[in-house]
Amino acid sequence: MDWIDPDGTRQRATLFNGFLSHYLFRDHYGRPGKGDDKGYAEGLVGYSRRNFMVPFPRFVTWDAINAYLEDQCHKRQADVLRGQSETIGQRLARDLAAMSELSTPS
């Protein structure tokens, strides 16, 4: 677990340090109480709520709602976002290929 010291210094958990070291990337933390740091994530939550949960869907089981949400995500992969030339699915495939190279042991 991470924690913040009284002087504002962030202390990382040993396991998370190992994760960062293994995959060779830097962490970036949002600041508590600063909504502008989290705008992208909050925008995605808002998009999902407006497009997948309005009107409020009703399902008999958790499996049914999970299947519905998965289907909506697959449909969304055909969309091309403003300013992009590839579909979301094409960009995802490229990102997954790049990330799979990181996970192979050397």
PDB file of N, CA and C in Angstrom:
ATOM      1  N   MET A   1       0.839  -1.173   0.000  1.00  0.00           N
ATOM      2  CA  MET A   1       0.000   0.000   0.000  1.00  0.00           C
ATOM      3  C   MET A   1       0.887   1.240   0.000  1.00  0.00           C
ATOM      4  N   ASP A   2       0.482   2.252  -0.740  1.00  0.00           N
ATOM      5  CA  ASP A   2       1.215   3.510  -0.763  1.00  0.00           C
ATOM      6  C   ASP A   2       0.680   4.428   0.328  1.00  0.00           C
ATOM      7  N   TRP A   3       1.505   5.334   0.754  1.00  0.00           N
ATOM      8  CA  TRP A   3       1.060   6.328   1.712  1.00  0.00           C
ATOM      9  C   TRP A   3       1.807   7.626   1.455  1.00  0.00           C
ATOM     10  N   ILE A   4       1.260   8.712   2.018  1.00  0.00           N
ATOM     11  CA  ILE A   4       1.861  10.032   1.871  1.00  0.00           C
ATOM     12  C   ILE A   4       2.301  10.496   3.250  1.00  0.00           C
ATOM     13  N   ASP A   5       3.590  10.838   3.371  1.00  0.00           N
ATOM     14  CA  ASP A   5       4.123  11.348   4.628  1.00  0.00           C
ATOM     15  C   ASP A   5       3.597  12.760   4.885  1.00  0.00           C
ATOM     16  N   PRO A   6       3.675  13.232   6.143  1.00  0.00           N
ATOM     17  CA  PRO A   6       3.203  14.587   6.460  1.00  0.00           C
ATOM     18  C   PRO A   6       3.869  15.684   5.618  1.00  0.00           C
ATOM     19  N   ASP A   7       5.105  15.446   5.166  1.00  0.00           N
ATOM     20  CA  ASP A   7       5.778  16.465   4.346  1.00  0.00           C
ATOM     21  C   ASP A   7       5.380  16.386   2.874  1.00  0.00           C
ATOM     22  N   GLY A   8       4.439  15.474   2.523  1.00  0.00           N
ATOM     23  CA  GLY A   8       3.963  15.365   1.150  1.00  0.00           C
ATOM     24  C   GLY A   8       4.706  14.339   0.312  1.00  0.00           C
ATOM     25  N   THR A   9       5.734  13.733   0.886  1.00  0.00           N
ATOM     26  CA  THR A   9       6.499  12.721   0.157  1.00  0.00           C
ATOM     27  C   THR A   9       5.682  11.441   0.049  1.00  0.00           C
ATOM     28  N   ARG A  10       5.631  10.882  -1.155  1.00  0.00           N
ATOM     29  CA  ARG A  10       4.879   9.643  -1.365  1.00  0.00           C
ATOM     30  C   ARG A  10       5.821   8.457  -1.167  1.00  0.00           C
ATOM     31  N   GLN A  11       5.375   7.510  -0.375  1.00  0.00           N
ATOM     32  CA  GLN A  11       6.128   6.285  -0.136  1.00  0.00           C
ATOM     33  C   GLN A  11       5.432   5.145  -0.880  1.00  0.00           C
ATOM     34  N   ARG A  12       6.168   4.463  -1.727  1.00  0.00           N
ATOM     35  CA  ARG A  12       5.587   3.357  -2.486  1.00  0.00           C
ATOM     36  C   ARG A  12       5.800   2.031  -1.775  1.00  0.00           C
ATOM     37  N   ALA A  13       4.837   1.146  -1.941  1.00  0.00           N
ATOM     38  CA  ALA A  13       4.961  -0.209  -1.414  1.00  0.00           C
ATOM     39  C   ALA A  13       6.039  -0.958  -2.195  1.00  0.00           C
ATOM     40  N   THR A  14       6.712  -1.860  -1.534  1.00  0.00           N
ATOM     41  CA  THR A  14       7.795  -2.630  -2.148  1.00  0.00           C
ATOM     42  C   THR A  14       7.312  -3.400  -3.377  1.00  0.00           C
ATOM     43  N   LEU A  15       6.144  -4.008  -3.273  1.00  0.00           N
ATOM     44  CA  LEU A  15       5.609  -4.784  -4.390  1.00  0.00           C
ATOM     45  C   LEU A  15       5.342  -3.893  -5.601  1.00  0.00           C
ATOM     46  N   PHE A  16       4.792  -2.696  -5.370  1.00  0.00           N
ATOM     47  CA  PHE A  16       4.528  -1.774  -6.475  1.00  0.00           C
ATOM     48  C   PHE A  16       5.832  -1.282  -7.086  1.00  0.00           C
ATOM     49  N   ASN A  17       6.834  -1.038  -6.269  1.00  0.00           N
ATOM     50  CA  ASN A  17       8.160  -0.671  -6.787  1.00  0.00           C
ATOM     51  C   ASN A  17       8.692  -1.758  -7.719  1.00  0.00           C
ATOM     52  N   GLY A  18       8.515  -3.005  -7.327  1.00  0.00           N
ATOM     53  CA  GLY A  18       8.954  -4.111  -8.177  1.00  0.00           C
ATOM     54  C   GLY A  18       8.202  -4.159  -9.489  1.00  0.00           C
ATOM     55  N   PHE A  19       6.908  -3.879  -9.431  1.00  0.00           N
ATOM     56  CA  PHE A  19       6.074  -3.845 -10.635  1.00  0.00           C
ATOM     57  C   PHE A  19       6.582  -2.769 -11.602  1.00  0.00           C
ATOM     58  N   LEU A  20       6.823  -1.557 -11.074  1.00  0.00           N
ATOM     59  CA  LEU A  20       7.324  -0.468 -11.917  1.00  0.00           C
ATOM     60  C   LEU A  20       8.677  -0.818 -12.515  1.00  0.00           C
ATOM     61  N   SER A  21       9.513  -1.402 -11.721  1.00  0.00           N
ATOM     62  CA  SER A  21      10.855  -1.762 -12.163  1.00  0.00           C
ATOM     63  C   SER A  21      10.815  -2.849 -13.240  1.00  0.00           C
ATOM     64  N   HIS A  22       9.925  -3.815 -13.076  1.00  0.00           N
ATOM     65  CA  HIS A  22       9.826  -4.906 -14.046  1.00  0.00           C
ATOM     66  C   HIS A  22       9.331  -4.421 -15.404  1.00  0.00           C
ATOM     67  N   TYR A  23       8.289  -3.557 -15.395  1.00  0.00           N
ATOM     68  CA  TYR A  23       7.694  -3.108 -16.647  1.00  0.00           C
ATOM     69  C   TYR A  23       8.274  -1.794 -17.172  1.00  0.00           C
ATOM     70  N   LEU A  24       9.199  -1.213 -16.431  1.00  0.00           N
ATOM     71  CA  LEU A  24       9.933  -0.024 -16.869  1.00  0.00           C
ATOM     72  C   LEU A  24       9.046   1.148 -17.254  1.00  0.00           C
ATOM     73  N   PHE A  25       8.172   1.540 -16.344  1.00  0.00           N
ATOM     74  CA  PHE A  25       7.408   2.760 -16.568  1.00  0.00           C
ATOM     75  C   PHE A  25       7.361   3.553 -15.271  1.00  0.00           C
ATOM     76  N   ARG A  26       7.005   4.827 -15.404  1.00  0.00           N
ATOM     77  CA  ARG A  26       6.927   5.714 -14.250  1.00  0.00           C
ATOM     78  C   ARG A  26       5.485   5.838 -13.786  1.00  0.00           C
ATOM     79  N   ASP A  27       5.314   6.005 -12.498  1.00  0.00           N
ATOM     80  CA  ASP A  27       3.973   6.215 -11.964  1.00  0.00           C
ATOM     81  C   ASP A  27       3.640   7.704 -11.992  1.00  0.00           C
ATOM     82  N   HIS A  28       2.350   7.991 -11.939  1.00  0.00           N
ATOM     83  CA  HIS A  28       1.878   9.369 -11.877  1.00  0.00           C
ATOM     84  C   HIS A  28       0.620   9.369 -11.034  1.00  0.00           C
ATOM     85  N   TYR A  29       0.651  10.114  -9.968  1.00  0.00           N
ATOM     86  CA  TYR A  29      -0.473  10.115  -9.038  1.00  0.00           C
ATOM     87  C   TYR A  29      -1.305  11.375  -9.194  1.00  0.00           C
ATOM     88  N   GLY A  30      -2.601  11.223  -9.090  1.00  0.00           N
ATOM     89  CA  GLY A  30      -3.478  12.381  -9.010  1.00  0.00           C
ATOM     90  C   GLY A  30      -3.358  12.986  -7.621  1.00  0.00           C
ATOM     91  N   ARG A  31      -3.641  14.249  -7.505  1.00  0.00           N
ATOM     92  CA  ARG A  31      -3.568  14.926  -6.210  1.00  0.00           C
ATOM     93  C   ARG A  31      -4.935  14.915  -5.561  1.00  0.00           C
ATOM     94  N   PRO A  32      -5.005  14.576  -4.274  1.00  0.00           N
ATOM     95  CA  PRO A  32      -6.306  14.567  -3.595  1.00  0.00           C
ATOM     96  C   PRO A  32      -6.992  15.929  -3.711  1.00  0.00           C
ATOM     97  N   GLY A  33      -8.273  15.901  -4.054  1.00  0.00           N
ATOM     98  CA  GLY A  33      -9.038  17.134  -4.136  1.00  0.00           C
ATOM     99  C   GLY A  33      -8.831  17.926  -5.404  1.00  0.00           C
ATOM    100  N   LYS A  34      -8.053  17.407  -6.328  1.00  0.00           N
ATOM    101  CA  LYS A  34      -7.789  18.111  -7.588  1.00  0.00           C
ATOM    102  C   LYS A  34      -8.458  17.347  -8.720  1.00  0.00           C
ATOM    103  N   GLY A  35      -9.706  17.690  -9.010  1.00  0.00           N
ATOM    104  CA  GLY A  35     -10.477  16.976 -10.026  1.00  0.00           C
ATOM    105  C   GLY A  35      -9.879  17.059 -11.411  1.00  0.00           C
ATOM    106  N   ASP A  36      -9.129  18.139 -11.703  1.00  0.00           N
ATOM    107  CA  ASP A  36      -8.557  18.274 -13.042  1.00  0.00           C
ATOM    108  C   ASP A  36      -7.481  17.225 -13.312  1.00  0.00           C
ATOM    109  N   ASP A  37      -6.893  16.650 -12.259  1.00  0.00           N
ATOM    110  CA  ASP A  37      -5.911  15.588 -12.447  1.00  0.00           C
ATOM    111  C   ASP A  37      -6.568  14.301 -12.928  1.00  0.00           C
ATOM    112  N   LYS A  38      -7.846  14.151 -12.615  1.00  0.00           N
ATOM    113  CA  LYS A  38      -8.531  12.895 -12.901  1.00  0.00           C
ATOM    114  C   LYS A  38      -9.563  13.041 -14.018  1.00  0.00           C
ATOM    115  N   GLY A  39      -9.473  14.092 -14.769  1.00  0.00           N
ATOM    116  CA  GLY A  39     -10.492  14.395 -15.767  1.00  0.00           C
ATOM    117  C   GLY A  39     -10.696  13.314 -16.800  1.00  0.00           C
ATOM    118  N   TYR A  40      -9.624  12.710 -17.287  1.00  0.00           N
ATOM    119  CA  TYR A  40      -9.752  11.691 -18.320  1.00  0.00           C
ATOM    120  C   TYR A  40     -10.533  10.486 -17.796  1.00  0.00           C
ATOM    121  N   ALA A  41     -10.142   9.995 -16.623  1.00  0.00           N
ATOM    122  CA  ALA A  41     -10.832   8.832 -16.051  1.00  0.00           C
ATOM    123  C   ALA A  41     -12.288   9.174 -15.748  1.00  0.00           C
ATOM    124  N   GLU A  42     -12.521  10.365 -15.194  1.00  0.00           N
ATOM    125  CA  GLU A  42     -13.893  10.746 -14.883  1.00  0.00           C
ATOM    126  C   GLU A  42     -14.711  10.934 -16.158  1.00  0.00           C
ATOM    127  N   GLY A  43     -14.081  11.397 -17.219  1.00  0.00           N
ATOM    128  CA  GLY A  43     -14.771  11.528 -18.503  1.00  0.00           C
ATOM    129  C   GLY A  43     -15.196  10.177 -19.047  1.00  0.00           C
ATOM    130  N   LEU A  44     -14.333   9.162 -18.901  1.00  0.00           N
ATOM    131  CA  LEU A  44     -14.682   7.819 -19.363  1.00  0.00           C
ATOM    132  C   LEU A  44     -15.831   7.229 -18.545  1.00  0.00           C
ATOM    133  N   VAL A  45     -15.817   7.484 -17.252  1.00  0.00           N
ATOM    134  CA  VAL A  45     -16.913   7.009 -16.407  1.00  0.00           C
ATOM    135  C   VAL A  45     -18.215   7.682 -16.837  1.00  0.00           C
ATOM    136  N   GLY A  46     -18.165   8.992 -17.078  1.00  0.00           N
ATOM    137  CA  GLY A  46     -19.359   9.711 -17.520  1.00  0.00           C
ATOM    138  C   GLY A  46     -19.866   9.204 -18.854  1.00  0.00           C
ATOM    139  N   TYR A  47     -18.950   8.960 -19.805  1.00  0.00           N
ATOM    140  CA  TYR A  47     -19.340   8.427 -21.113  1.00  0.00           C
ATOM    141  C   TYR A  47     -20.043   7.081 -20.932  1.00  0.00           C
ATOM    142  N   SER A  48     -19.434   6.203 -20.136  1.00  0.00           N
ATOM    143  CA  SER A  48     -20.008   4.874 -19.924  1.00  0.00           C
ATOM    144  C   SER A  48     -21.385   4.958 -19.283  1.00  0.00           C
ATOM    145  N   ARG A  49     -21.521   5.826 -18.298  1.00  0.00           N
ATOM    146  CA  ARG A  49     -22.817   5.977 -17.627  1.00  0.00           C
ATOM    147  C   ARG A  49     -23.876   6.469 -18.609  1.00  0.00           C
ATOM    148  N   ARG A  50     -23.547   7.529 -19.370  1.00  0.00           N
ATOM    149  CA  ARG A  50     -24.531   8.107 -20.294  1.00  0.00           C
ATOM    150  C   ARG A  50     -24.897   7.147 -21.427  1.00  0.00           C
ATOM    151  N   ASN A  51     -23.930   6.389 -21.912  1.00  0.00           N
ATOM    152  CA  ASN A  51     -24.168   5.563 -23.088  1.00  0.00           C
ATOM    153  C   ASN A  51     -24.573   4.124 -22.792  1.00  0.00           C
ATOM    154  N   PHE A  52     -24.189   3.592 -21.648  1.00  0.00           N
ATOM    155  CA  PHE A  52     -24.490   2.190 -21.353  1.00  0.00           C
ATOM    156  C   PHE A  52     -25.492   2.014 -20.216  1.00  0.00           C
ATOM    157  N   MET A  53     -25.706   3.064 -19.422  1.00  0.00           N
ATOM    158  CA  MET A  53     -26.532   2.902 -18.222  1.00  0.00           C
ATOM    159  C   MET A  53     -27.749   3.836 -18.189  1.00  0.00           C
ATOM    160  N   VAL A  54     -28.027   4.543 -19.284  1.00  0.00           N
ATOM    161  CA  VAL A  54     -29.199   5.430 -19.353  1.00  0.00           C
ATOM    162  C   VAL A  54     -29.994   5.052 -20.579  1.00  0.00           C
ATOM    163  N   PRO A  55     -31.244   4.659 -20.478  1.00  0.00           N
ATOM    164  CA  PRO A  55     -31.953   4.489 -19.214  1.00  0.00           C
ATOM    165  C   PRO A  55     -31.359   3.331 -18.425  1.00  0.00           C
ATOM    166  N   PHE A  56     -31.604   3.343 -17.135  1.00  0.00           N
ATOM    167  CA  PHE A  56     -31.009   2.349 -16.244  1.00  0.00           C
ATOM    168  C   PHE A  56     -31.394   0.939 -16.693  1.00  0.00           C
ATOM    169  N   PRO A  57     -30.399   0.123 -17.070  1.00  0.00           N
ATOM    170  CA  PRO A  57     -30.732  -1.227 -17.530  1.00  0.00           C
ATOM    171  C   PRO A  57     -31.093  -2.142 -16.349  1.00  0.00           C
ATOM    172  N   ARG A  58     -31.945  -3.084 -16.622  1.00  0.00           N
ATOM    173  CA  ARG A  58     -32.344  -4.041 -15.589  1.00  0.00           C
ATOM    174  C   ARG A  58     -32.017  -5.444 -16.088  1.00  0.00           C
ATOM    175  N   PHE A  59     -31.324  -6.190 -15.243  1.00  0.00           N
ATOM    176  CA  PHE A  59     -30.900  -7.538 -15.593  1.00  0.00           C
ATOM    177  C   PHE A  59     -31.209  -8.477 -14.440  1.00  0.00           C
ATOM    178  N   VAL A  60     -31.438  -9.723 -14.774  1.00  0.00           N
ATOM    179  CA  VAL A  60     -31.779 -10.722 -13.764  1.00  0.00           C
ATOM    180  C   VAL A  60     -30.535 -11.177 -13.007  1.00  0.00           C
ATOM    181  N   THR A  61     -29.390 -11.238 -13.710  1.00  0.00           N
ATOM    182  CA  THR A  61     -28.165 -11.744 -13.076  1.00  0.00           C
ATOM    183  C   THR A  61     -26.990 -10.805 -13.370  1.00  0.00           C
ATOM    184  N   TRP A  62     -25.942 -10.937 -12.576  1.00  0.00           N
ATOM    185  CA  TRP A  62     -24.705 -10.199 -12.833  1.00  0.00           C
ATOM    186  C   TRP A  62     -24.086 -10.644 -14.152  1.00  0.00           C
ATOM    187  N   ASP A  63     -24.185 -11.919 -14.463  1.00  0.00           N
ATOM    188  CA  ASP A  63     -23.646 -12.410 -15.734  1.00  0.00           C
ATOM    189  C   ASP A  63     -24.314 -11.715 -16.916  1.00  0.00           C
ATOM    190  N   ALA A  64     -25.597 -11.465 -16.816  1.00  0.00           N
ATOM    191  CA  ALA A  64     -26.327 -10.806 -17.902  1.00  0.00           C
ATOM    192  C   ALA A  64     -25.866  -9.360 -18.085  1.00  0.00           C
ATOM    193  N   ILE A  65     -25.701  -8.624 -16.993  1.00  0.00           N
ATOM    194  CA  ILE A  65     -25.235  -7.240 -17.139  1.00  0.00           C
ATOM    195  C   ILE A  65     -23.791  -7.199 -17.630  1.00  0.00           C
ATOM    196  N   ASN A  66     -22.967  -8.135 -17.161  1.00  0.00           N
ATOM    197  CA  ASN A  66     -21.583  -8.187 -17.635  1.00  0.00           C
ATOM    198  C   ASN A  66     -21.528  -8.499 -19.130  1.00  0.00           C
ATOM    199  N   ALA A  67     -22.385  -9.395 -19.601  1.00  0.00           N
ATOM    200  CA  ALA A  67     -22.426  -9.718 -21.030  1.00  0.00           C
ATOM    201  C   ALA A  67     -22.884  -8.505 -21.837  1.00  0.00           C
ATOM    202  N   TYR A  68     -23.867  -7.766 -21.315  1.00  0.00           N
ATOM    203  CA  TYR A  68     -24.349  -6.550 -21.981  1.00  0.00           C
ATOM    204  C   TYR A  68     -23.230  -5.519 -22.089  1.00  0.00           C
ATOM    205  N   LEU A  69     -22.528  -5.268 -20.981  1.00  0.00           N
ATOM    206  CA  LEU A  69     -21.449  -4.280 -20.994  1.00  0.00           C
ATOM    207  C   LEU A  69     -20.303  -4.708 -21.908  1.00  0.00           C
ATOM    208  N   GLU A  70     -19.993  -5.990 -21.909  1.00  0.00           N
ATOM    209  CA  GLU A  70     -18.940  -6.489 -22.805  1.00  0.00           C
ATOM    210  C   GLU A  70     -19.338  -6.286 -24.261  1.00  0.00           C
ATOM    211  N   ASP A  71     -20.589  -6.561 -24.584  1.00  0.00           N
ATOM    212  CA  ASP A  71     -21.080  -6.358 -25.949  1.00  0.00           C
ATOM    213  C   ASP A  71     -20.991  -4.878 -26.346  1.00  0.00           C
ATOM    214  N   GLN A  72     -21.357  -3.982 -25.428  1.00  0.00           N
ATOM    215  CA  GLN A  72     -21.267  -2.553 -25.719  1.00  0.00           C
ATOM    216  C   GLN A  72     -19.821  -2.124 -25.965  1.00  0.00           C
ATOM    217  N   CYS A  73     -18.902  -2.671 -25.199  1.00  0.00           N
ATOM    218  CA  CYS A  73     -17.481  -2.346 -25.377  1.00  0.00           C
ATOM    219  C   CYS A  73     -16.973  -2.847 -26.723  1.00  0.00           C
ATOM    220  N   HIS A  74     -17.386  -4.045 -27.127  1.00  0.00           N
ATOM    221  CA  HIS A  74     -16.974  -4.574 -28.432  1.00  0.00           C
ATOM    222  C   HIS A  74     -17.522  -3.706 -29.567  1.00  0.00           C
ATOM    223  N   LYS A  75     -18.770  -3.260 -29.433  1.00  0.00           N
ATOM    224  CA  LYS A  75     -19.345  -2.375 -30.451  1.00  0.00           C
ATOM    225  C   LYS A  75     -18.569  -1.060 -30.523  1.00  0.00           C
ATOM    226  N   ARG A  76     -18.162  -0.541 -29.379  1.00  0.00           N
ATOM    227  CA  ARG A  76     -17.435   0.732 -29.316  1.00  0.00           C
ATOM    228  C   ARG A  76     -16.084   0.638 -30.014  1.00  0.00           C
ATOM    229  N   GLN A  77     -15.519  -0.547 -30.095  1.00  0.00           N
ATOM    230  CA  GLN A  77     -14.207  -0.701 -30.735  1.00  0.00           C
ATOM    231  C   GLN A  77     -14.236  -0.367 -32.218  1.00  0.00           C
ATOM    232  N   ALA A  78     -15.404  -0.297 -32.831  1.00  0.00           N
ATOM    233  CA  ALA A  78     -15.510   0.062 -34.247  1.00  0.00           C
ATOM    234  C   ALA A  78     -15.488   1.581 -34.455  1.00  0.00           C
ATOM    235  N   ASP A  79     -15.614   2.353 -33.386  1.00  0.00           N
ATOM    236  CA  ASP A  79     -15.649   3.812 -33.495  1.00  0.00           C
ATOM    237  C   ASP A  79     -14.255   4.395 -33.720  1.00  0.00           C
ATOM    238  N   VAL A  80     -14.220   5.516 -34.428  1.00  0.00           N
ATOM    239  CA  VAL A  80     -12.988   6.283 -34.612  1.00  0.00           C
ATOM    240  C   VAL A  80     -13.161   7.587 -33.846  1.00  0.00           C
ATOM    241  N   LEU A  81     -12.258   7.849 -32.925  1.00  0.00           N
ATOM    242  CA  LEU A  81     -12.357   9.057 -32.118  1.00  0.00           C
ATOM    243  C   LEU A  81     -11.861  10.269 -32.891  1.00  0.00           C
ATOM    244  N   ARG A  82     -12.376  11.423 -32.536  1.00  0.00           N
ATOM    245  CA  ARG A  82     -11.964  12.675 -33.171  1.00  0.00           C
ATOM    246  C   ARG A  82     -10.444  12.831 -33.057  1.00  0.00           C
ATOM    247  N   GLY A  83      -9.828  13.171 -34.174  1.00  0.00           N
ATOM    248  CA  GLY A  83      -8.382  13.374 -34.188  1.00  0.00           C
ATOM    249  C   GLY A  83      -7.575  12.101 -34.411  1.00  0.00           C
ATOM    250  N   GLN A  84      -8.250  10.970 -34.547  1.00  0.00           N
ATOM    251  CA  GLN A  84      -7.563   9.689 -34.758  1.00  0.00           C
ATOM    252  C   GLN A  84      -7.881   9.169 -36.154  1.00  0.00           C
ATOM    253  N   SER A  85      -6.990   8.341 -36.681  1.00  0.00           N
ATOM    254  CA  SER A  85      -7.236   7.767 -38.000  1.00  0.00           C
ATOM    255  C   SER A  85      -7.605   6.285 -37.911  1.00  0.00           C
ATOM    256  N   GLU A  86      -7.383   5.678 -36.757  1.00  0.00           N
ATOM    257  CA  GLU A  86      -7.684   4.259 -36.567  1.00  0.00           C
ATOM    258  C   GLU A  86      -8.890   4.100 -35.642  1.00  0.00           C
ATOM    259  N   THR A  87      -9.532   2.940 -35.721  1.00  0.00           N
ATOM    260  CA  THR A  87     -10.631   2.656 -34.800  1.00  0.00           C
ATOM    261  C   THR A  87     -10.062   2.396 -33.402  1.00  0.00           C
ATOM    262  N   ILE A  88     -10.943   2.432 -32.423  1.00  0.00           N
ATOM    263  CA  ILE A  88     -10.534   2.116 -31.053  1.00  0.00           C
ATOM    264  C   ILE A  88      -9.986   0.693 -31.001  1.00  0.00           C
ATOM    265  N   GLY A  89     -10.625  -0.228 -31.707  1.00  0.00           N
ATOM    266  CA  GLY A  89     -10.169  -1.622 -31.725  1.00  0.00           C
ATOM    267  C   GLY A  89      -8.782  -1.774 -32.340  1.00  0.00           C
ATOM    268  N   GLN A  90      -8.501  -1.038 -33.414  1.00  0.00           N
ATOM    269  CA  GLN A  90      -7.174  -1.102 -34.029  1.00  0.00           C
ATOM    270  C   GLN A  90      -6.108  -0.566 -33.073  1.00  0.00           C
ATOM    271  N   ARG A  91      -6.421   0.528 -32.409  1.00  0.00           N
ATOM    272  CA  ARG A  91      -5.472   1.104 -31.453  1.00  0.00           C
ATOM    273  C   ARG A  91      -5.263   0.170 -30.266  1.00  0.00           C
ATOM    274  N   LEU A  92      -6.359  -0.481 -29.811  1.00  0.00           N
ATOM    275  CA  LEU A  92      -6.256  -1.437 -28.714  1.00  0.00           C
ATOM    276  C   LEU A  92      -5.359  -2.608 -29.108  1.00  0.00           C
ATOM    277  N   ALA A  93      -5.548  -3.142 -30.309  1.00  0.00           N
ATOM    278  CA  ALA A  93      -4.729  -4.283 -30.763  1.00  0.00           C
ATOM    279  C   ALA A  93      -3.250  -3.900 -30.791  1.00  0.00           C
ATOM    280  N   ARG A  94      -2.959  -2.688 -31.247  1.00  0.00           N
ATOM    281  CA  ARG A  94      -1.565  -2.227 -31.297  1.00  0.00           C
ATOM    282  C   ARG A  94      -1.003  -2.087 -29.876  1.00  0.00           C
ATOM    283  N   ASP A  95      -1.801  -1.523 -28.971  1.00  0.00           N
ATOM    284  CA  ASP A  95      -1.340  -1.377 -27.586  1.00  0.00           C
ATOM    285  C   ASP A  95      -1.126  -2.740 -26.925  1.00  0.00           C
ATOM    286  N   LEU A  96      -2.044  -3.673 -27.144  1.00  0.00           N
ATOM    287  CA  LEU A  96      -1.901  -5.005 -26.541  1.00  0.00           C
ATOM    288  C   LEU A  96      -0.655  -5.715 -27.050  1.00  0.00           C
ATOM    289  N   ALA A  97      -0.363  -5.559 -28.340  1.00  0.00           N
ATOM    290  CA  ALA A  97       0.850  -6.171 -28.901  1.00  0.00           C
ATOM    291  C   ALA A  97       2.097  -5.572 -28.250  1.00  0.00           C
ATOM    292  N   ALA A  98       2.089  -4.262 -28.068  1.00  0.00           N
ATOM    293  CA  ALA A  98       3.243  -3.604 -27.447  1.00  0.00           C
ATOM    294  C   ALA A  98       3.390  -4.028 -25.988  1.00  0.00           C
ATOM    295  N   MET A  99       2.266  -4.162 -25.277  1.00  0.00           N
ATOM    296  CA  MET A  99       2.327  -4.548 -23.872  1.00  0.00           C
ATOM    297  C   MET A  99       2.712  -6.016 -23.703  1.00  0.00           C
ATOM    298  N   SER A 100       2.316  -6.874 -24.634  1.00  0.00           N
ATOM    299  CA  SER A 100       2.663  -8.288 -24.495  1.00  0.00           C
ATOM    300  C   SER A 100       4.164  -8.490 -24.611  1.00  0.00           C
ATOM    301  N   GLU A 101       4.811  -7.617 -25.372  1.00  0.00           N
ATOM    302  CA  GLU A 101       6.273  -7.700 -25.465  1.00  0.00           C
ATOM    303  C   GLU A 101       6.907  -7.395 -24.115  1.00  0.00           C
ATOM    304  N   LEU A 102       6.302  -6.536 -23.327  1.00  0.00           N
ATOM    305  CA  LEU A 102       6.836  -6.186 -22.014  1.00  0.00           C
ATOM    306  C   LEU A 102       6.716  -7.342 -21.025  1.00  0.00           C
ATOM    307  N   SER A 103       5.693  -8.173 -21.179  1.00  0.00           N
ATOM    308  CA  SER A 103       5.442  -9.194 -20.190  1.00  0.00           C
ATOM    309  C   SER A 103       6.218 -10.488 -20.419  1.00  0.00           C
ATOM    310  N   THR A 104       6.918 -10.597 -21.529  1.00  0.00           N
ATOM    311  CA  THR A 104       7.678 -11.823 -21.767  1.00  0.00           C
ATOM    312  C   THR A 104       8.969 -11.784 -20.965  1.00  0.00           C
ATOM    313  N   PRO A 105       9.254 -12.850 -20.215  1.00  0.00           N
ATOM    314  CA  PRO A 105      10.474 -12.884 -19.413  1.00  0.00           C
ATOM    315  C   PRO A 105      11.708 -12.929 -20.318  1.00  0.00           C
ATOM    316  N   SER A 106      12.750 -12.288 -19.874  1.00  0.00           N
ATOM    317  CA  SER A 106      13.977 -12.279 -20.687  1.00  0.00           C
ATOM    318  C   SER A 106      14.994 -13.293 -20.201  1.00  0.00           C
TER     319      SER A 106
END
